[in-house]
PDB file of N, CA and C in Angstrom:
ATOM      1  N   MET A   1      78.159 144.423  87.476  1.00  0.00           N
ATOM      2  CA  MET A   1      77.003 144.007  88.250  1.00  0.00           C
ATOM      3  C   MET A   1      77.401 143.836  89.718  1.00  0.00           C
ATOM      4  N   PRO A   2      76.631 144.362  90.671  1.00  0.00           N
ATOM      5  CA  PRO A   2      76.973 144.245  92.085  1.00  0.00           C
ATOM      6  C   PRO A   2      77.008 142.787  92.536  1.00  0.00           C
ATOM      7  N   HIS A   3      77.788 142.533  93.554  1.00  0.00           N
ATOM      8  CA  HIS A   3      77.878 141.202  94.159  1.00  0.00           C
ATOM      9  C   HIS A   3      76.517 140.821  94.730  1.00  0.00           C
ATOM     10  N   ALA A   4      76.212 139.529  94.747  1.00  0.00           N
ATOM     11  CA  ALA A   4      74.908 139.046  95.206  1.00  0.00           C
ATOM     12  C   ALA A   4      74.586 139.494  96.629  1.00  0.00           C
ATOM     13  N   THR A   5      75.593 139.540  97.511  1.00  0.00           N
ATOM     14  CA  THR A   5      75.359 139.974  98.889  1.00  0.00           C
ATOM     15  C   THR A   5      74.945 141.442  98.927  1.00  0.00           C
ATOM     16  N   ALA A   6      75.624 142.263  98.128  1.00  0.00           N
ATOM     17  CA  ALA A   6      75.267 143.686  98.051  1.00  0.00           C
ATOM     18  C   ALA A   6      73.856 143.847  97.504  1.00  0.00           C
ATOM     19  N   MET A   7      73.523 143.061  96.483  1.00  0.00           N
ATOM     20  CA  MET A   7      72.191 143.122  95.899  1.00  0.00           C
ATOM     21  C   MET A   7      71.150 142.736  96.946  1.00  0.00           C
ATOM     22  N   GLY A   8      71.441 141.703  97.746  1.00  0.00           N
ATOM     23  CA  GLY A   8      70.502 141.274  98.786  1.00  0.00           C
ATOM     24  C   GLY A   8      70.278 142.330  99.846  1.00  0.00           C
ATOM     25  N   SER A   9      71.350 143.011 100.272  1.00  0.00           N
ATOM     26  CA  SER A   9      71.191 144.056 101.285  1.00  0.00           C
ATOM     27  C   SER A   9      70.477 145.268 100.696  1.00  0.00           C
ATOM     28  N   GLY A  10      70.714 145.547  99.414  1.00  0.00           N
ATOM     29  CA  GLY A  10      69.993 146.636  98.737  1.00  0.00           C
ATOM     30  C   GLY A  10      68.515 146.328  98.640  1.00  0.00           C
ATOM     31  N   THR A  11      68.214 145.094  98.301  1.00  0.00           N
ATOM     32  CA  THR A  11      66.814 144.664  98.213  1.00  0.00           C
ATOM     33  C   THR A  11      66.137 144.797  99.570  1.00  0.00           C
ATOM     34  N   GLN A  12      66.816 144.363 100.635  1.00  0.00           N
ATOM     35  CA  GLN A  12      66.230 144.424 101.977  1.00  0.00           C
ATOM     36  C   GLN A  12      65.998 145.870 102.418  1.00  0.00           C
ATOM     37  N   ALA A  13      66.957 146.757 102.127  1.00  0.00           N
ATOM     38  CA  ALA A  13      66.787 148.175 102.481  1.00  0.00           C
ATOM     39  C   ALA A  13      65.578 148.764 101.766  1.00  0.00           C
ATOM     40  N   ALA A  14      65.393 148.393 100.499  1.00  0.00           N
ATOM     41  CA  ALA A  14      64.253 148.899  99.728  1.00  0.00           C
ATOM     42  C   ALA A  14      62.937 148.346 100.266  1.00  0.00           C
ATOM     43  N   LEU A  15      62.912 147.069 100.597  1.00  0.00           N
ATOM     44  CA  LEU A  15      61.686 146.480 101.143  1.00  0.00           C
ATOM     45  C   LEU A  15      61.349 147.059 102.511  1.00  0.00           C
ATOM     46  N   ASP A  16      62.372 147.276 103.335  1.00  0.00           N
ATOM     47  CA  ASP A  16      62.152 147.900 104.644  1.00  0.00           C
ATOM     48  C   ASP A  16      61.573 149.295 104.478  1.00  0.00           C
ATOM     49  N   CYS A  17      62.145 150.069 103.565  1.00  0.00           N
ATOM     50  CA  CYS A  17      61.678 151.441 103.336  1.00  0.00           C
ATOM     51  C   CYS A  17      60.239 151.431 102.809  1.00  0.00           C
ATOM     52  N   HIS A  18      59.947 150.520 101.910  1.00  0.00           N
ATOM     53  CA  HIS A  18      58.587 150.364 101.382  1.00  0.00           C
ATOM     54  C   HIS A  18      57.585 150.200 102.527  1.00  0.00           C
ATOM     55  N   THR A  19      57.890 149.272 103.434  1.00  0.00           N
ATOM     56  CA  THR A  19      56.996 148.986 104.553  1.00  0.00           C
ATOM     57  C   THR A  19      56.867 150.186 105.488  1.00  0.00           C
ATOM     58  N   VAL A  20      57.988 150.797 105.831  1.00  0.00           N
ATOM     59  CA  VAL A  20      57.971 151.934 106.767  1.00  0.00           C
ATOM     60  C   VAL A  20      57.186 153.110 106.162  1.00  0.00           C
ATOM     61  N   CYS A  21      57.366 153.376 104.878  1.00  0.00           N
ATOM     62  CA  CYS A  21      56.622 154.481 104.251  1.00  0.00           C
ATOM     63  C   CYS A  21      55.119 154.231 104.285  1.00  0.00           C
ATOM     64  N   LEU A  22      54.698 152.993 104.028  1.00  0.00           N
ATOM     65  CA  LEU A  22      53.263 152.695 104.087  1.00  0.00           C
ATOM     66  C   LEU A  22      52.736 152.842 105.513  1.00  0.00           C
ATOM     67  N   GLU A  23      53.500 152.386 106.493  1.00  0.00           N
ATOM     68  CA  GLU A  23      53.090 152.550 107.887  1.00  0.00           C
ATOM     69  C   GLU A  23      53.015 154.031 108.259  1.00  0.00           C
ATOM     70  N   THR A  24      53.924 154.820 107.706  1.00  0.00           N
ATOM     71  CA  THR A  24      53.968 156.252 108.020  1.00  0.00           C
ATOM     72  C   THR A  24      52.777 156.985 107.409  1.00  0.00           C
ATOM     73  N   VAL A  25      52.293 156.532 106.254  1.00  0.00           N
ATOM     74  CA  VAL A  25      51.078 157.128 105.669  1.00  0.00           C
ATOM     75  C   VAL A  25      49.938 157.032 106.667  1.00  0.00           C
ATOM     76  N   THR A  26      49.742 155.857 107.232  1.00  0.00           N
ATOM     77  CA  THR A  26      48.663 155.660 108.211  1.00  0.00           C
ATOM     78  C   THR A  26      48.870 156.562 109.424  1.00  0.00           C
ATOM     79  N   HIS A  27      50.102 156.618 109.911  1.00  0.00           N
ATOM     80  CA  HIS A  27      50.424 157.474 111.052  1.00  0.00           C
ATOM     81  C   HIS A  27      50.087 158.936 110.741  1.00  0.00           C
ATOM     82  N   CYS A  28      50.499 159.402 109.572  1.00  0.00           N
ATOM     83  CA  CYS A  28      50.302 160.809 109.207  1.00  0.00           C
ATOM     84  C   CYS A  28      48.822 161.145 109.030  1.00  0.00           C
ATOM     85  N   LEU A  29      48.083 160.244 108.414  1.00  0.00           N
ATOM     86  CA  LEU A  29      46.653 160.507 108.226  1.00  0.00           C
ATOM     87  C   LEU A  29      45.924 160.521 109.563  1.00  0.00           C
ATOM     88  N   THR A  30      46.349 159.681 110.481  1.00  0.00           N
ATOM     89  CA  THR A  30      45.749 159.652 111.818  1.00  0.00           C
ATOM     90  C   THR A  30      46.105 160.911 112.591  1.00  0.00           C
ATOM     91  N   LYS A  31      47.346 161.348 112.464  1.00  0.00           N
ATOM     92  CA  LYS A  31      47.811 162.534 113.199  1.00  0.00           C
ATOM     93  C   LYS A  31      47.172 163.811 112.657  1.00  0.00           C
ATOM     94  N   GLY A  32      46.982 163.872 111.336  1.00  0.00           N
ATOM     95  CA  GLY A  32      46.332 165.036 110.720  1.00  0.00           C
ATOM     96  C   GLY A  32      47.252 166.249 110.648  1.00  0.00           C
ATOM     97  N   GLY A  33      46.665 167.403 110.381  1.00  0.00           N
ATOM     98  CA  GLY A  33      47.429 168.643 110.269  1.00  0.00           C
ATOM     99  C   GLY A  33      48.437 168.583 109.137  1.00  0.00           C
ATOM    100  N   ASP A  34      49.623 169.156 109.367  1.00  0.00           N
ATOM    101  CA  ASP A  34      50.671 169.174 108.344  1.00  0.00           C
ATOM    102  C   ASP A  34      51.100 167.769 107.940  1.00  0.00           C
ATOM    103  N   HIS A  35      50.999 166.833 108.870  1.00  0.00           N
ATOM    104  CA  HIS A  35      51.382 165.452 108.556  1.00  0.00           C
ATOM    105  C   HIS A  35      50.533 164.878 107.423  1.00  0.00           C
ATOM    106  N   ALA A  36      49.302 165.330 107.314  1.00  0.00           N
ATOM    107  CA  ALA A  36      48.360 164.791 106.330  1.00  0.00           C
ATOM    108  C   ALA A  36      48.281 165.640 105.056  1.00  0.00           C
ATOM    109  N   ARG A  37      49.223 166.572 104.878  1.00  0.00           N
ATOM    110  CA  ARG A  37      49.233 167.362 103.637  1.00  0.00           C
ATOM    111  C   ARG A  37      49.297 166.427 102.430  1.00  0.00           C
ATOM    112  N   PRO A  38      48.498 166.698 101.408  1.00  0.00           N
ATOM    113  CA  PRO A  38      48.503 165.817 100.235  1.00  0.00           C
ATOM    114  C   PRO A  38      49.885 165.621  99.608  1.00  0.00           C
ATOM    115  N   ASP A  39      50.696 166.676  99.530  1.00  0.00           N
ATOM    116  CA  ASP A  39      52.022 166.526  98.909  1.00  0.00           C
ATOM    117  C   ASP A  39      52.910 165.578  99.716  1.00  0.00           C
ATOM    118  N   HIS A  40      52.786 165.607 101.022  1.00  0.00           N
ATOM    119  CA  HIS A  40      53.577 164.708 101.871  1.00  0.00           C
ATOM    120  C   HIS A  40      53.101 163.257 101.725  1.00  0.00           C
ATOM    121  N   ILE A  41      51.793 163.066 101.748  1.00  0.00           N
ATOM    122  CA  ILE A  41      51.226 161.709 101.618  1.00  0.00           C
ATOM    123  C   ILE A  41      51.580 161.123 100.253  1.00  0.00           C
ATOM    124  N   VAL A  42      51.463 161.915  99.194  1.00  0.00           N
ATOM    125  CA  VAL A  42      51.805 161.428  97.856  1.00  0.00           C
ATOM    126  C   VAL A  42      53.282 161.046  97.788  1.00  0.00           C
ATOM    127  N   LEU A  43      54.149 161.845  98.399  1.00  0.00           N
ATOM    128  CA  LEU A  43      55.581 161.533  98.398  1.00  0.00           C
ATOM    129  C   LEU A  43      55.856 160.215  99.138  1.00  0.00           C
ATOM    130  N   LEU A  44      55.209 160.008 100.268  1.00  0.00           N
ATOM    131  CA  LEU A  44      55.351 158.740 100.996  1.00  0.00           C
ATOM    132  C   LEU A  44      54.913 157.556 100.128  1.00  0.00           C
ATOM    133  N   LEU A  45      53.795 157.715  99.430  1.00  0.00           N
ATOM    134  CA  LEU A  45      53.301 156.646  98.558  1.00  0.00           C
ATOM    135  C   LEU A  45      54.218 156.438  97.354  1.00  0.00           C
ATOM    136  N   ASP A  46      54.726 157.544  96.788  1.00  0.00           N
ATOM    137  CA  ASP A  46      55.684 157.427  95.678  1.00  0.00           C
ATOM    138  C   ASP A  46      56.933 156.685  96.130  1.00  0.00           C
ATOM    139  N   CYS A  47      57.408 157.016  97.323  1.00  0.00           N
ATOM    140  CA  CYS A  47      58.608 156.385  97.849  1.00  0.00           C
ATOM    141  C   CYS A  47      58.369 154.889  98.064  1.00  0.00           C
ATOM    142  N   ALA A  48      57.242 154.546  98.666  1.00  0.00           N
ATOM    143  CA  ALA A  48      56.918 153.134  98.882  1.00  0.00           C
ATOM    144  C   ALA A  48      56.877 152.378  97.553  1.00  0.00           C
ATOM    145  N   GLU A  49      56.275 152.990  96.565  1.00  0.00           N
ATOM    146  CA  GLU A  49      56.128 152.335  95.254  1.00  0.00           C
ATOM    147  C   GLU A  49      57.466 152.137  94.553  1.00  0.00           C
ATOM    148  N   ILE A  50      58.313 153.168  94.537  1.00  0.00           N
ATOM    149  CA  ILE A  50      59.603 153.034  93.850  1.00  0.00           C
ATOM    150  C   ILE A  50      60.515 152.075  94.610  1.00  0.00           C
ATOM    151  N   CYS A  51      60.408 152.027  95.919  1.00  0.00           N
ATOM    152  CA  CYS A  51      61.199 151.057  96.696  1.00  0.00           C
ATOM    153  C   CYS A  51      60.795 149.635  96.336  1.00  0.00           C
ATOM    154  N   GLN A  52      59.500 149.388  96.221  1.00  0.00           N
ATOM    155  CA  GLN A  52      59.023 148.057  95.821  1.00  0.00           C
ATOM    156  C   GLN A  52      59.533 147.721  94.421  1.00  0.00           C
ATOM    157  N   THR A  53      59.462 148.675  93.515  1.00  0.00           N
ATOM    158  CA  THR A  53      59.920 148.458  92.137  1.00  0.00           C
ATOM    159  C   THR A  53      61.418 148.179  92.096  1.00  0.00           C
ATOM    160  N   ALA A  54      62.200 148.987  92.809  1.00  0.00           N
ATOM    161  CA  ALA A  54      63.650 148.780  92.835  1.00  0.00           C
ATOM    162  C   ALA A  54      63.986 147.405  93.419  1.00  0.00           C
ATOM    163  N   ALA A  55      63.289 147.020  94.475  1.00  0.00           N
ATOM    164  CA  ALA A  55      63.513 145.698  95.079  1.00  0.00           C
ATOM    165  C   ALA A  55      63.204 144.592  94.072  1.00  0.00           C
ATOM    166  N   ASN A  56      62.128 144.756  93.321  1.00  0.00           N
ATOM    167  CA  ASN A  56      61.778 143.755  92.314  1.00  0.00           C
ATOM    168  C   ASN A  56      62.864 143.645  91.246  1.00  0.00           C
ATOM    169  N   PHE A  57      63.370 144.773  90.768  1.00  0.00           N
ATOM    170  CA  PHE A  57      64.432 144.771  89.758  1.00  0.00           C
ATOM    171  C   PHE A  57      65.687 144.087  90.293  1.00  0.00           C
ATOM    172  N   MET A  58      66.036 144.385  91.557  1.00  0.00           N
ATOM    173  CA  MET A  58      67.226 143.765  92.146  1.00  0.00           C
ATOM    174  C   MET A  58      67.011 142.269  92.372  1.00  0.00           C
ATOM    175  N   THR A  59      65.816 141.888  92.813  1.00  0.00           N
ATOM    176  CA  THR A  59      65.517 140.483  93.094  1.00  0.00           C
ATOM    177  C   THR A  59      65.682 139.621  91.849  1.00  0.00           C
ATOM    178  N   ARG A  60      65.232 140.146  90.717  1.00  0.00           N
ATOM    179  CA  ARG A  60      65.359 139.355  89.488  1.00  0.00           C
ATOM    180  C   ARG A  60      66.658 139.651  88.746  1.00  0.00           C
ATOM    181  N   ASP A  61      67.566 140.416  89.390  1.00  0.00           N
ATOM    182  CA  ASP A  61      68.887 140.699  88.836  1.00  0.00           C
ATOM    183  C   ASP A  61      68.791 141.335  87.451  1.00  0.00           C
ATOM    184  N   SER A  62      67.833 142.239  87.308  1.00  0.00           N
ATOM    185  CA  SER A  62      67.633 142.921  86.030  1.00  0.00           C
ATOM    186  C   SER A  62      68.856 143.758  85.667  1.00  0.00           C
ATOM    187  N   GLU A  63      69.226 143.738  84.411  1.00  0.00           N
ATOM    188  CA  GLU A  63      70.329 144.577  83.946  1.00  0.00           C
ATOM    189  C   GLU A  63      69.984 146.057  84.078  1.00  0.00           C
ATOM    190  N   LEU A  64      68.711 146.372  84.223  1.00  0.00           N
ATOM    191  CA  LEU A  64      68.256 147.758  84.331  1.00  0.00           C
ATOM    192  C   LEU A  64      68.063 148.213  85.776  1.00  0.00           C
ATOM    193  N   HIS A  65      68.495 147.385  86.737  1.00  0.00           N
ATOM    194  CA  HIS A  65      68.272 147.751  88.150  1.00  0.00           C
ATOM    195  C   HIS A  65      68.940 149.072  88.507  1.00  0.00           C
ATOM    196  N   GLY A  66      70.041 149.425  87.862  1.00  0.00           N
ATOM    197  CA  GLY A  66      70.717 150.686  88.154  1.00  0.00           C
ATOM    198  C   GLY A  66      69.839 151.895  87.893  1.00  0.00           C
ATOM    199  N   LEU A  67      69.011 151.817  86.854  1.00  0.00           N
ATOM    200  CA  LEU A  67      68.099 152.929  86.545  1.00  0.00           C
ATOM    201  C   LEU A  67      67.075 153.120  87.653  1.00  0.00           C
ATOM    202  N   THR A  68      66.444 152.025  88.066  1.00  0.00           N
ATOM    203  CA  THR A  68      65.425 152.159  89.113  1.00  0.00           C
ATOM    204  C   THR A  68      66.078 152.549  90.433  1.00  0.00           C
ATOM    205  N   CYS A  69      67.293 152.052  90.682  1.00  0.00           N
ATOM    206  CA  CYS A  69      67.975 152.405  91.933  1.00  0.00           C
ATOM    207  C   CYS A  69      68.337 153.891  91.978  1.00  0.00           C
ATOM    208  N   ARG A  70      68.723 154.461  90.858  1.00  0.00           N
ATOM    209  CA  ARG A  70      69.034 155.905  90.824  1.00  0.00           C
ATOM    210  C   ARG A  70      67.794 156.728  91.154  1.00  0.00           C
ATOM    211  N   VAL A  71      66.682 156.381  90.512  1.00  0.00           N
ATOM    212  CA  VAL A  71      65.423 157.088  90.766  1.00  0.00           C
ATOM    213  C   VAL A  71      64.984 156.870  92.215  1.00  0.00           C
ATOM    214  N   CYS A  72      65.119 155.648  92.687  1.00  0.00           N
ATOM    215  CA  CYS A  72      64.732 155.318  94.064  1.00  0.00           C
ATOM    216  C   CYS A  72      65.526 156.169  95.059  1.00  0.00           C
ATOM    217  N   ALA A  73      66.828 156.293  94.835  1.00  0.00           N
ATOM    218  CA  ALA A  73      67.676 157.082  95.745  1.00  0.00           C
ATOM    219  C   ALA A  73      67.199 158.534  95.804  1.00  0.00           C
ATOM    220  N   GLU A  74      66.862 159.106  94.661  1.00  0.00           N
ATOM    221  CA  GLU A  74      66.397 160.505  94.625  1.00  0.00           C
ATOM    222  C   GLU A  74      65.084 160.671  95.379  1.00  0.00           C
ATOM    223  N   ILE A  75      64.151 159.769  95.137  1.00  0.00           N
ATOM    224  CA  ILE A  75      62.840 159.877  95.785  1.00  0.00           C
ATOM    225  C   ILE A  75      62.966 159.623  97.284  1.00  0.00           C
ATOM    226  N   CYS A  76      63.783 158.651  97.664  1.00  0.00           N
ATOM    227  CA  CYS A  76      63.995 158.382  99.096  1.00  0.00           C
ATOM    228  C   CYS A  76      64.597 159.590  99.801  1.00  0.00           C
ATOM    229  N   GLU A  77      65.521 160.253  99.150  1.00  0.00           N
ATOM    230  CA  GLU A  77      66.138 161.444  99.728  1.00  0.00           C
ATOM    231  C   GLU A  77      65.098 162.541  99.934  1.00  0.00           C
ATOM    232  N   SER A  78      64.245 162.749  98.950  1.00  0.00           N
ATOM    233  CA  SER A  78      63.164 163.744  99.073  1.00  0.00           C
ATOM    234  C   SER A  78      62.203 163.383 100.195  1.00  0.00           C
ATOM    235  N   CYS A  79      61.875 162.111 100.286  1.00  0.00           N
ATOM    236  CA  CYS A  79      60.945 161.656 101.322  1.00  0.00           C
ATOM    237  C   CYS A  79      61.567 161.836 102.707  1.00  0.00           C
ATOM    238  N   ALA A  80      62.844 161.512 102.836  1.00  0.00           N
ATOM    239  CA  ALA A  80      63.531 161.691 104.124  1.00  0.00           C
ATOM    240  C   ALA A  80      63.481 163.154 104.555  1.00  0.00           C
ATOM    241  N   GLN A  81      63.719 164.055 103.622  1.00  0.00           N
ATOM    242  CA  GLN A  81      63.683 165.490 103.944  1.00  0.00           C
ATOM    243  C   GLN A  81      62.287 165.912 104.371  1.00  0.00           C
ATOM    244  N   SER A  82      61.276 165.432 103.683  1.00  0.00           N
ATOM    245  CA  SER A  82      59.897 165.766 104.034  1.00  0.00           C
ATOM    246  C   SER A  82      59.556 165.251 105.433  1.00  0.00           C
ATOM    247  N   CYS A  83      59.985 164.029 105.731  1.00  0.00           N
ATOM    248  CA  CYS A  83      59.717 163.463 107.062  1.00  0.00           C
ATOM    249  C   CYS A  83      60.482 164.218 108.141  1.00  0.00           C
ATOM    250  N   GLU A  84      61.705 164.615 107.858  1.00  0.00           N
ATOM    251  CA  GLU A  84      62.498 165.363 108.839  1.00  0.00           C
ATOM    252  C   GLU A  84      61.866 166.716 109.149  1.00  0.00           C
ATOM    253  N   GLN A  85      61.230 167.322 108.178  1.00  0.00           N
ATOM    254  CA  GLN A  85      60.560 168.604 108.422  1.00  0.00           C
ATOM    255  C   GLN A  85      59.408 168.437 109.402  1.00  0.00           C
ATOM    256  N   LEU A  86      58.841 167.232 109.455  1.00  0.00           N
ATOM    257  CA  LEU A  86      57.749 166.938 110.389  1.00  0.00           C
ATOM    258  C   LEU A  86      58.235 166.061 111.528  1.00  0.00           C
ATOM    259  N   GLY A  87      59.543 165.975 111.712  1.00  0.00           N
ATOM    260  CA  GLY A  87      60.172 165.003 112.601  1.00  0.00           C
ATOM    261  C   GLY A  87      60.007 165.252 114.071  1.00  0.00           C
ATOM    262  N   ASP A  88      58.814 165.551 114.497  1.00  0.00           N
ATOM    263  CA  ASP A  88      58.569 165.824 115.915  1.00  0.00           C
ATOM    264  C   ASP A  88      58.134 164.577 116.672  1.00  0.00           C
ATOM    265  N   ASP A  89      58.250 163.409 116.038  1.00  0.00           N
ATOM    266  CA  ASP A  89      57.885 162.177 116.726  1.00  0.00           C
ATOM    267  C   ASP A  89      58.716 161.009 116.187  1.00  0.00           C
ATOM    268  N   ASP A  90      58.667 159.907 116.906  1.00  0.00           N
ATOM    269  CA  ASP A  90      59.488 158.737 116.571  1.00  0.00           C
ATOM    270  C   ASP A  90      59.164 158.156 115.202  1.00  0.00           C
ATOM    271  N   GLU A  91      57.897 158.153 114.828  1.00  0.00           N
ATOM    272  CA  GLU A  91      57.508 157.578 113.532  1.00  0.00           C
ATOM    273  C   GLU A  91      58.132 158.346 112.370  1.00  0.00           C
ATOM    274  N   MET A  92      58.150 159.669 112.477  1.00  0.00           N
ATOM    275  CA  MET A  92      58.708 160.470 111.386  1.00  0.00           C
ATOM    276  C   MET A  92      60.221 160.281 111.317  1.00  0.00           C
ATOM    277  N   ARG A  93      60.856 160.198 112.471  1.00  0.00           N
ATOM    278  CA  ARG A  93      62.314 159.940 112.491  1.00  0.00           C
ATOM    279  C   ARG A  93      62.620 158.554 111.927  1.00  0.00           C
ATOM    280  N   ARG A  94      61.805 157.586 112.293  1.00  0.00           N
ATOM    281  CA  ARG A  94      61.987 156.213 111.798  1.00  0.00           C
ATOM    282  C   ARG A  94      61.878 156.168 110.271  1.00  0.00           C
ATOM    283  N   CYS A  95      60.909 156.882 109.723  1.00  0.00           N
ATOM    284  CA  CYS A  95      60.727 156.906 108.271  1.00  0.00           C
ATOM    285  C   CYS A  95      61.910 157.595 107.591  1.00  0.00           C
ATOM    286  N   ALA A  96      62.327 158.733 108.133  1.00  0.00           N
ATOM    287  CA  ALA A  96      63.466 159.458 107.546  1.00  0.00           C
ATOM    288  C   ALA A  96      64.711 158.577 107.544  1.00  0.00           C
ATOM    289  N   GLU A  97      64.930 157.848 108.622  1.00  0.00           N
ATOM    290  CA  GLU A  97      66.110 156.967 108.717  1.00  0.00           C
ATOM    291  C   GLU A  97      66.030 155.829 107.695  1.00  0.00           C
ATOM    292  N   ALA A  98      64.852 155.224 107.548  1.00  0.00           N
ATOM    293  CA  ALA A  98      64.686 154.137 106.570  1.00  0.00           C
ATOM    294  C   ALA A  98      64.911 154.650 105.153  1.00  0.00           C
ATOM    295  N   CYS A  99      64.405 155.847 104.885  1.00  0.00           N
ATOM    296  CA  CYS A  99      64.587 156.445 103.555  1.00  0.00           C
ATOM    297  C   CYS A  99      66.060 156.740 103.284  1.00  0.00           C
ATOM    298  N   ARG A 100      66.763 157.249 104.270  1.00  0.00           N
ATOM    299  CA  ARG A 100      68.194 157.545 104.101  1.00  0.00           C
ATOM    300  C   ARG A 100      69.001 156.264 103.876  1.00  0.00           C
ATOM    301  N   ARG A 101      68.679 155.213 104.645  1.00  0.00           N
ATOM    302  CA  ARG A 101      69.371 153.920 104.452  1.00  0.00           C
ATOM    303  C   ARG A 101      69.139 153.393 103.042  1.00  0.00           C
ATOM    304  N   CYS A 102      67.908 153.479 102.588  1.00  0.00           N
ATOM    305  CA  CYS A 102      67.574 152.985 101.257  1.00  0.00           C
ATOM    306  C   CYS A 102      68.264 153.831 100.188  1.00  0.00           C
ATOM    307  N   ALA A 103      68.259 155.141 100.357  1.00  0.00           N
ATOM    308  CA  ALA A 103      68.911 156.026  99.383  1.00  0.00           C
ATOM    309  C   ALA A 103      70.394 155.694  99.270  1.00  0.00           C
ATOM    310  N   GLU A 104      71.040 155.500 100.407  1.00  0.00           N
ATOM    311  CA  GLU A 104      72.467 155.169 100.423  1.00  0.00           C
ATOM    312  C   GLU A 104      72.719 153.832  99.717  1.00  0.00           C
ATOM    313  N   SER A 105      71.905 152.851 100.033  1.00  0.00           N
ATOM    314  CA  SER A 105      72.042 151.534  99.426  1.00  0.00           C
ATOM    315  C   SER A 105      71.770 151.592  97.917  1.00  0.00           C
ATOM    316  N   CYS A 106      70.739 152.326  97.532  1.00  0.00           N
ATOM    317  CA  CYS A 106      70.404 152.430  96.104  1.00  0.00           C
ATOM    318  C   CYS A 106      71.481 153.178  95.323  1.00  0.00           C
ATOM    319  N   ARG A 107      72.077 154.190  95.936  1.00  0.00           N
ATOM    320  CA  ARG A 107      73.195 154.888  95.257  1.00  0.00           C
ATOM    321  C   ARG A 107      74.327 153.897  94.996  1.00  0.00           C
ATOM    322  N   ALA A 108      74.615 153.042  95.958  1.00  0.00           N
ATOM    323  CA  ALA A 108      75.669 152.041  95.791  1.00  0.00           C
ATOM    324  C   ALA A 108      75.292 151.048  94.682  1.00  0.00           C
ATOM    325  N   MET A 109      74.037 150.650  94.631  1.00  0.00           N
ATOM    326  CA  MET A 109      73.578 149.701  93.598  1.00  0.00           C
ATOM    327  C   MET A 109      73.645 150.328  92.212  1.00  0.00           C
ATOM    328  N   ALA A 110      73.400 151.626  92.139  1.00  0.00           N
ATOM    329  CA  ALA A 110      73.376 152.322  90.844  1.00  0.00           C
ATOM    330  C   ALA A 110      74.761 152.626  90.320  1.00  0.00           C
ATOM    331  N   ALA A 111      75.758 152.571  91.207  1.00  0.00           N
ATOM    332  CA  ALA A 111      77.130 152.932  90.811  1.00  0.00           C
ATOM    333  C   ALA A 111      77.763 151.896  89.887  1.00  0.00           C
TER     334      ALA A 111
END
């Protein structure tokens, strides 16, 4: 089981990513065009949801947190790539960075 400090930083990375992905949905829908593609919006929402779930598992120190963290890392990585493809503005770069931080942290939690 990861050390409590590691679990806390993993939880914070997941919560940060959750918030940034939700903010990015609003940004993308406002911007329109490719940013508002349904597959991109769904991925942002999926990422926000799995980050919240992973944070909840870590917060309650669930023995199954490794499973959610593995899935979270994969989805965050996909979301980061999607945001980077549209990375022509600060919001998209910010989201990609938050997703990468969360993916890295979740991989460590899942190990």
